Protein backbone atom coordinates (compact mmCIF):
# COMPACT_ATOMS: atom_id res chain seq x y z
CA MET A 1 215.90 -167.26 304.86
CA SER A 2 216.04 -163.99 302.95
CA ASN A 3 219.16 -161.86 303.20
CA LYS A 4 217.08 -158.74 302.62
CA VAL A 5 216.02 -156.39 305.38
CA CYS A 6 213.15 -153.94 305.53
CA TYR A 7 213.85 -150.57 307.14
CA LYS A 8 211.28 -147.98 308.14
CA GLN A 9 211.12 -144.37 309.25
CA CYS A 10 208.19 -142.28 310.44
CA TYR A 11 207.16 -139.04 308.77
CA HIS A 12 204.49 -136.38 309.13
CA ALA A 13 202.79 -134.15 306.60
CA LYS A 14 203.88 -130.51 306.68
CA PRO A 15 200.86 -128.29 307.47
CA GLY A 16 199.57 -126.46 304.44
CA SER A 17 201.68 -128.13 301.74
CA GLY A 18 201.27 -131.75 302.83
CA VAL A 19 204.94 -132.34 301.99
CA ARG A 20 206.40 -135.32 303.82
CA GLN A 21 208.91 -134.55 306.52
CA ILE A 22 210.97 -137.32 308.07
CA TYR A 23 211.29 -137.06 311.83
CA GLN A 24 214.85 -136.49 312.93
CA GLY A 25 216.99 -137.74 315.80
CA ALA A 26 215.27 -138.45 319.11
CA LYS A 27 211.78 -137.82 317.70
CA GLN A 28 212.29 -140.50 315.04
CA ALA A 29 213.60 -142.97 317.61
CA GLU A 30 210.66 -142.21 319.90
CA SER A 31 208.12 -142.75 317.11
CA LEU A 32 209.75 -145.99 315.97
CA THR A 33 209.84 -147.26 319.55
CA MET A 34 206.03 -147.05 319.51
CA GLU A 35 205.98 -149.18 316.35
CA LEU A 36 208.40 -151.66 317.91
CA ASN A 37 206.28 -151.82 321.05
CA CYS A 38 203.18 -152.68 319.02
CA ILE A 39 205.04 -155.48 317.22
CA GLY A 40 206.20 -156.87 320.57
CA TRP A 41 202.70 -156.97 322.02
CA ALA A 42 201.19 -158.31 318.80
CA SER A 43 203.75 -161.14 318.84
CA ALA A 44 202.80 -162.00 322.41
CA LEU A 45 199.09 -161.94 321.55
CA MET A 46 199.66 -164.35 318.65
CA VAL A 47 201.55 -166.69 320.99
CA LEU A 48 198.49 -166.51 323.25
CA VAL A 49 196.34 -167.78 320.36
CA TYR A 50 198.56 -170.77 319.55
CA ASN A 51 198.88 -171.67 323.24
CA PHE A 52 195.08 -171.65 323.50
CA MET A 53 194.82 -173.91 320.44
CA GLU A 54 197.43 -176.34 321.76
CA LYS A 55 195.62 -176.70 325.05
CA LYS A 56 192.30 -177.30 323.29
CA GLU A 57 193.86 -179.86 320.95
CA SER A 58 195.04 -181.90 323.94
CA THR A 59 191.42 -182.96 324.38
CA LEU A 60 189.85 -182.28 320.96
CA GLY A 61 192.65 -183.57 318.76
CA ARG A 62 193.80 -181.82 315.61
CA PRO A 63 191.21 -180.41 313.18
CA ASP A 64 190.96 -181.90 309.69
CA PHE A 65 191.47 -178.49 308.04
CA GLN A 66 194.58 -176.40 307.48
CA ILE A 67 196.01 -174.39 310.37
CA PRO A 68 198.05 -171.40 309.14
CA GLN A 69 201.34 -170.80 310.94
CA MET A 70 201.66 -167.04 311.26
CA ARG A 71 203.73 -164.73 313.41
CA TYR A 72 204.96 -161.16 313.50
CA VAL A 73 208.29 -160.18 312.03
CA GLN A 74 211.32 -159.93 314.25
CA ALA A 75 212.28 -156.29 314.54
CA GLY A 76 214.75 -153.97 316.20
CA LEU A 77 215.67 -150.32 316.48
CA ALA A 78 218.91 -149.18 314.82
CA VAL A 79 220.46 -145.79 315.57
CA SER A 80 223.24 -144.38 313.42
CA GLN A 81 226.50 -143.40 315.09
CA SER A 82 226.72 -140.39 312.79
CA GLU A 83 226.14 -136.87 314.04
CA ASP A 84 222.46 -136.82 313.07
CA LYS A 85 221.73 -140.03 315.05
CA ALA A 86 219.34 -141.24 312.35
CA ALA A 87 217.02 -144.00 313.61
CA PHE A 88 215.52 -146.88 311.63
CA LEU A 89 213.15 -149.73 312.43
CA LEU A 90 214.65 -152.92 310.97
CA GLU A 91 212.35 -155.86 310.19
CA GLU A 92 212.52 -159.26 308.57
CA TYR A 93 211.78 -158.98 304.87
CA ILE A 94 208.40 -160.41 303.84
CA GLU A 95 208.70 -162.46 300.68
CA SER A 96 205.90 -162.41 298.09
CA ASP A 97 203.13 -165.00 298.30
CA THR A 98 204.25 -167.73 295.88
CA ASP A 99 200.62 -168.69 295.19
CA SER A 100 199.55 -165.26 293.99
CA GLY A 101 202.76 -163.33 293.45
CA GLU A 102 201.45 -160.57 295.73
CA TRP A 103 204.05 -158.99 297.98
CA PHE A 104 201.79 -157.58 300.67
CA ILE A 105 198.30 -158.70 301.67
CA LYS A 106 195.76 -156.90 303.85
CA TYR A 107 193.78 -159.66 305.58
CA LEU A 108 191.65 -157.49 307.90
CA ASN A 109 191.40 -153.71 307.98
CA ASN A 110 191.47 -151.69 311.17
CA ASN A 111 187.98 -150.30 310.50
CA SER A 112 186.18 -153.64 310.30
CA ALA A 113 186.13 -157.04 312.01
CA LYS A 114 185.18 -158.80 308.78
CA PRO A 115 188.00 -160.71 307.09
CA ARG A 116 188.54 -160.09 303.41
CA THR A 117 187.66 -162.77 300.86
CA PHE A 118 190.18 -163.55 298.13
CA ALA A 119 190.17 -165.45 294.87
CA ASN A 120 193.12 -167.35 296.32
CA GLU A 121 191.79 -169.97 298.79
CA GLY A 122 194.94 -169.93 300.92
CA GLN A 123 194.67 -166.20 301.50
CA THR A 124 190.99 -166.53 302.44
CA ILE A 125 191.83 -169.27 304.96
CA ARG A 126 194.55 -167.11 306.51
CA ALA A 127 192.14 -164.17 306.76
CA GLN A 128 189.57 -166.39 308.51
CA PHE A 129 192.24 -167.72 310.85
CA LEU A 130 193.29 -164.19 311.80
CA SER A 131 189.66 -163.31 312.45
CA PHE A 132 189.55 -166.32 314.78
CA ALA A 133 192.79 -165.09 316.40
CA GLN A 134 191.05 -161.79 317.19
CA HIS A 135 188.23 -163.75 318.82
CA VAL A 136 190.67 -165.71 321.00
CA GLN A 137 192.51 -162.56 322.04
CA PHE A 138 189.25 -160.75 322.84
CA TRP A 139 187.94 -163.70 324.87
CA LYS A 140 191.15 -164.53 326.74
CA THR A 141 191.65 -160.89 327.78
CA ASP A 142 188.03 -160.57 328.92
CA GLY A 143 187.17 -158.14 326.15
CA LEU A 144 190.10 -155.78 326.68
CA VAL A 145 192.39 -156.18 323.69
CA PHE A 146 192.87 -157.69 320.24
CA ILE A 147 195.04 -157.10 317.17
CA SER A 148 193.64 -155.30 314.16
CA ASP A 149 194.96 -154.12 310.78
CA LEU A 150 196.26 -157.63 310.07
CA GLN A 151 198.58 -157.61 307.09
CA GLY A 152 201.74 -159.11 305.68
CA GLY A 153 202.63 -162.23 303.72
CA ARG A 154 201.99 -165.96 303.88
CA ASN A 155 203.54 -166.52 307.32
CA LEU A 156 204.87 -163.14 308.46
CA LEU A 157 202.78 -160.20 309.65
CA THR A 158 203.75 -156.58 310.27
CA ASP A 159 202.42 -153.11 311.16
CA PRO A 160 199.81 -154.23 313.72
CA GLN A 161 197.24 -152.03 315.37
CA ILE A 162 196.62 -153.02 319.00
CA ILE A 163 192.99 -152.28 319.84
CA THR A 164 192.28 -151.80 323.53
CA HIS A 165 189.11 -151.11 325.48
CA PRO A 166 188.61 -147.32 325.76
CA LYS A 167 188.57 -147.58 329.55
CA LEU A 168 192.29 -148.42 329.39
CA GLY A 169 193.04 -145.07 327.74
CA ASP A 170 195.44 -144.44 324.84
CA VAL A 171 197.78 -147.33 325.53
CA PHE A 172 199.14 -147.90 322.03
CA ALA A 173 197.78 -145.19 319.73
CA ASP A 174 194.63 -143.36 318.69
CA GLY A 175 193.22 -146.31 316.75
CA ASN A 176 190.51 -147.48 319.13
CA THR A 177 187.61 -146.00 317.18
CA ASN A 178 186.56 -149.44 315.92
CA PHE A 179 186.55 -151.23 319.26
CA ASP A 180 182.78 -151.79 319.37
CA LEU A 181 182.74 -153.11 315.80
CA PHE A 182 184.30 -156.39 316.89
CA THR A 183 181.24 -157.66 318.74
CA GLU A 184 178.95 -156.18 316.09
CA GLU A 185 180.71 -157.56 313.01
CA HIS A 186 182.65 -160.67 314.00
CA GLU A 187 181.28 -163.79 312.34
CA CYS A 188 182.46 -167.08 313.81
CA ASN A 189 184.02 -169.47 311.29
CA GLN A 190 185.26 -173.07 311.26
CA PHE A 191 188.18 -172.19 313.54
CA CYS A 192 185.93 -170.60 316.17
CA SER A 193 183.54 -173.56 316.02
CA PHE A 194 186.20 -176.27 316.27
CA TYR A 195 187.97 -174.64 319.21
CA GLY A 196 184.71 -174.06 321.08
CA LEU A 197 184.36 -170.27 320.99
CA SER A 198 180.88 -168.83 321.36
CA PRO A 199 179.92 -165.67 319.45
CA PRO A 200 181.12 -162.62 321.42
CA LEU A 201 178.40 -160.78 323.28
CA ARG A 202 177.55 -157.41 321.81
CA GLN A 203 178.64 -154.60 324.11
CA ASN A 204 179.16 -150.87 324.20
CA SER A 205 182.64 -149.51 324.82
CA ASP A 206 181.62 -148.47 328.35
CA GLN A 207 180.85 -152.09 329.25
CA SER A 208 183.04 -155.11 329.85
CA GLN A 209 182.46 -158.44 328.13
CA SER A 210 180.14 -160.38 330.46
CA ARG A 211 179.61 -164.12 330.44
CA SER A 212 178.61 -166.89 332.79
CA THR A 213 181.99 -168.60 332.61
CA PRO A 214 185.04 -166.30 332.80
CA ALA A 215 188.09 -166.99 330.68
CA THR A 216 191.15 -168.50 332.24
CA ARG A 217 193.40 -165.62 333.28
CA PHE A 218 195.47 -164.73 330.27
CA GLU A 219 199.25 -164.93 330.34
CA ILE A 220 201.26 -162.89 327.87
CA GLU A 221 205.03 -162.69 327.72
CA ASP A 222 206.05 -159.21 328.82
CA PRO A 223 207.38 -157.15 325.91
CA ILE A 224 208.47 -153.53 326.16
CA SER A 225 206.21 -151.41 328.37
CA PRO A 226 203.75 -149.26 326.37
CA SER A 227 204.85 -145.71 325.59
CA SER A 228 203.17 -142.88 327.46
CA THR A 229 203.39 -140.54 324.47
CA ASN A 230 200.18 -138.62 323.74
CA SER A 231 198.18 -139.70 320.70
CA GLU A 232 198.65 -136.26 319.11
CA ASP A 233 202.37 -137.02 318.81
CA PHE A 234 201.92 -140.10 316.67
CA PRO A 235 203.32 -139.92 313.13
CA ASP A 236 201.09 -139.69 310.08
CA SER A 237 202.68 -142.76 308.53
CA ILE A 238 205.96 -144.52 307.92
CA LEU A 239 208.28 -144.87 304.97
CA VAL A 240 209.49 -148.37 304.20
CA GLY A 241 212.73 -149.19 302.47
CA ILE A 242 213.86 -152.48 300.96
CA ASN A 243 217.52 -152.46 300.06
CA GLY A 244 217.30 -148.77 299.36
CA MET A 245 213.90 -148.61 297.61
CA ASP A 246 211.32 -146.50 299.46
CA VAL A 247 207.62 -147.32 299.37
CA ASP A 248 204.60 -146.17 301.37
CA ALA A 249 203.20 -148.19 304.27
């Protein structure tokens, strides 16, 4: 296990100049709590996927192809005891992919349901698996929610976007513009086929996923309750630090 830690802070661009300004005090803690909340729900939704697979395998057996083992980083909020009460999001450090040497991999963007294809076979398999994970989440929640913006390393993921049906409102952030793209763009792969998932029915955002056989009611471990902060209050981005070195995220 790495002894490194990744720390993050949210910032916004100053109107006019575009200069980055780090949120201070309570505003920083509030913004990072949103990020922490998304990681908590994304972790629960990934557990939902593996639970679904385990139940299916009890009758189907194990597939003869590789099953990636992926999860979201463990994370926590740290608040300084100094006068400024500086807040940081602390996460497990994601090691570089030993196959490619790449530190950070974007498997699926948040503006498309199509997984990326890589020269590295292992990365392509993980991207396909995460596309399948979206399908499971979409199906098990009756077309209400799935994870997008899937990125990270070989086994650890971070910075998720939780995409919810517009009828639920702004639950996690203002990133629901691509909701309808899932049913339009998702292409079932070997994971979907083996675990018996049918192609999702195309729908508009004002409709619910309809099917002749409803999914078993989904059960997700209860993470932190979603923040009620308005979408206009969300930060422009976050700064990431690794042992003191700042990079964009």
